[in-house]
Protein backbone atom coordinates (compact mmCIF):
# COMPACT_ATOMS: atom_id res chain seq x y z
CA UNK A 1 54.17 124.42 63.57
CA UNK A 2 50.43 124.73 63.12
CA UNK A 3 48.51 123.12 60.30
CA UNK A 4 44.97 124.05 59.36
CA UNK A 5 43.09 121.88 56.90
CA UNK A 6 39.98 123.03 55.11
CA UNK A 7 37.96 122.40 51.98
CA UNK A 8 36.03 119.33 53.05
CA UNK A 9 32.34 118.94 52.45
CA UNK A 10 29.68 116.76 50.97
CA UNK A 11 29.83 115.67 47.35
CA UNK A 12 28.15 113.08 45.16
CA UNK A 13 30.06 110.06 43.92
CA UNK A 14 32.04 110.98 40.84
CA UNK A 15 32.49 114.54 41.98
CA UNK A 16 35.59 116.49 43.03
CA UNK A 17 36.89 118.40 46.01
CA UNK A 18 40.13 120.21 46.73
CA UNK A 19 41.51 120.18 50.23
CA UNK A 20 44.00 122.76 51.43
CA UNK A 21 46.34 122.72 54.38
CA UNK A 22 47.90 125.99 55.48
CA UNK A 23 51.03 125.82 57.61
CA UNK A 24 52.39 128.44 59.97
CA UNK A 25 55.64 128.42 61.90
CA UNK A 26 58.47 126.01 61.25
CA UNK A 27 60.20 125.64 57.91
CA UNK A 28 57.51 124.52 55.52
CA UNK A 29 59.69 124.78 52.44
CA UNK A 30 62.16 122.23 53.89
CA UNK A 31 59.59 119.70 55.07
CA UNK A 32 57.79 116.80 53.47
CA UNK A 33 54.01 116.82 53.83
CA UNK A 34 51.35 114.17 53.74
CA UNK A 35 47.62 113.57 53.81
CA UNK A 36 46.02 110.80 55.83
CA UNK A 37 42.38 109.89 56.37
CA UNK A 38 40.26 108.09 58.90
CA UNK A 39 36.94 106.58 57.95
CA UNK A 40 34.31 105.86 60.60
CA UNK A 41 35.27 102.80 62.61
CA UNK A 42 38.60 102.39 60.85
CA UNK A 43 42.25 103.12 61.50
CA UNK A 44 43.82 106.24 60.08
CA UNK A 45 45.48 105.47 56.75
CA UNK A 46 47.96 107.09 54.42
CA UNK A 47 46.65 108.88 51.34
CA UNK A 48 49.46 110.85 49.70
CA UNK A 49 52.80 112.53 50.38
CA UNK A 50 54.88 115.19 48.69
CA UNK A 51 58.51 116.15 49.07
CA UNK A 52 59.57 119.58 50.27
CA UNK A 53 60.33 120.68 46.72
CA UNK A 54 57.21 119.16 45.20
CA UNK A 55 59.41 117.09 42.93
CA UNK A 56 58.39 113.74 44.39
CA UNK A 57 54.96 112.41 45.23
CA UNK A 58 53.68 109.12 46.58
CA UNK A 59 50.12 107.78 46.68
CA UNK A 60 48.19 104.99 48.28
CA UNK A 61 47.02 102.49 45.69
CA UNK A 62 43.41 103.26 46.55
CA UNK A 63 43.69 106.86 45.34
CA UNK A 64 46.32 106.62 42.62
CA UNK A 65 45.10 108.19 39.40
CA UNK A 66 42.25 110.01 41.14
CA UNK A 67 43.97 112.22 43.72
CA UNK A 68 46.78 114.70 43.19
CA UNK A 69 48.91 116.22 45.93
CA UNK A 70 50.69 119.50 45.30
CA UNK A 71 52.20 122.38 47.23
CA UNK A 72 52.89 126.09 47.02
CA UNK A 73 55.87 126.91 49.19
CA UNK A 74 55.33 130.65 48.72
CA UNK A 75 51.94 130.23 50.41
CA UNK A 76 53.03 127.51 52.85
CA UNK A 77 50.12 125.43 51.64
CA UNK A 78 49.71 121.85 50.51
CA UNK A 79 46.74 120.71 48.45
CA UNK A 80 44.91 117.49 47.75
CA UNK A 81 42.84 117.51 44.57
CA UNK A 82 40.35 114.66 44.75
CA UNK A 83 38.57 113.61 41.56
CA UNK A 84 36.23 110.73 40.75
CA UNK A 85 35.32 110.48 44.40
CA UNK A 86 33.86 107.23 45.67
CA UNK A 87 31.69 106.45 48.66
CA UNK A 88 34.67 104.73 50.27
CA UNK A 89 36.62 108.01 50.22
CA UNK A 90 34.32 109.26 52.97
CA UNK A 91 36.57 110.11 55.94
CA UNK A 92 38.12 112.83 58.00
CA UNK A 93 41.23 113.97 56.15
CA UNK A 94 44.29 115.10 58.06
CA UNK A 95 47.33 116.93 56.77
CA UNK A 96 50.70 116.27 58.33
CA UNK A 97 54.20 117.66 58.21
CA UNK A 98 57.53 116.06 58.97
CA UNK A 99 60.52 117.68 60.58
CA UNK A 100 62.70 119.48 58.02
CA UNK A 101 64.70 116.83 56.17
CA UNK A 102 65.49 117.89 52.61
CA UNK A 103 67.15 114.55 51.88
CA UNK A 104 64.70 112.34 53.74
CA UNK A 105 62.48 109.82 52.01
CA UNK A 106 58.73 110.31 51.71
CA UNK A 107 56.88 108.50 54.46
CA UNK A 108 53.56 106.70 54.54
CA UNK A 109 53.54 105.96 58.26
CA UNK A 110 52.03 108.19 60.91
CA UNK A 111 55.17 108.13 63.07
CA UNK A 112 57.12 109.70 60.21
CA UNK A 113 55.18 112.93 60.64
CA UNK A 114 55.59 115.26 63.58
CA UNK A 115 52.83 117.82 63.15
CA UNK A 116 49.15 117.29 62.41
CA UNK A 117 46.22 119.44 61.42
CA UNK A 118 42.78 119.17 62.97
CA UNK A 119 41.14 117.32 60.08
CA UNK A 120 38.47 118.22 57.57
CA UNK A 121 35.52 115.96 56.86
CA UNK A 122 34.72 114.63 53.42
CA UNK A 123 31.43 112.87 52.80
CA UNK A 124 30.75 111.19 49.47
CA UNK A 125 27.18 110.18 48.81
CA UNK A 126 26.49 107.25 46.54
């Protein structure tokens, strides 16, 4: 499985960005996906997760109501729409994919994901 994240960039506070993560190989349509981020000098943290069907989503409290995770299984792509961006959202964002587990629960821990993209940088200026 290979994951390629893109869509990062620089944006002013209050602005929006949409990240995309394209998957190849594996069984994308049977796997849960997640987004994590790592700010400078900090540990990587969970942002959002989505079930294989798209029917369930889970967000970190810090992004709830501002970010939306979605997926298009026909395109093997997961998205992260980020609105009302804040300076503290500045980080490298990583997409991740778990092993196929249609009945598994959505995870917010790094060890629950088996494949990782290379990261895309988001910079929010205040």
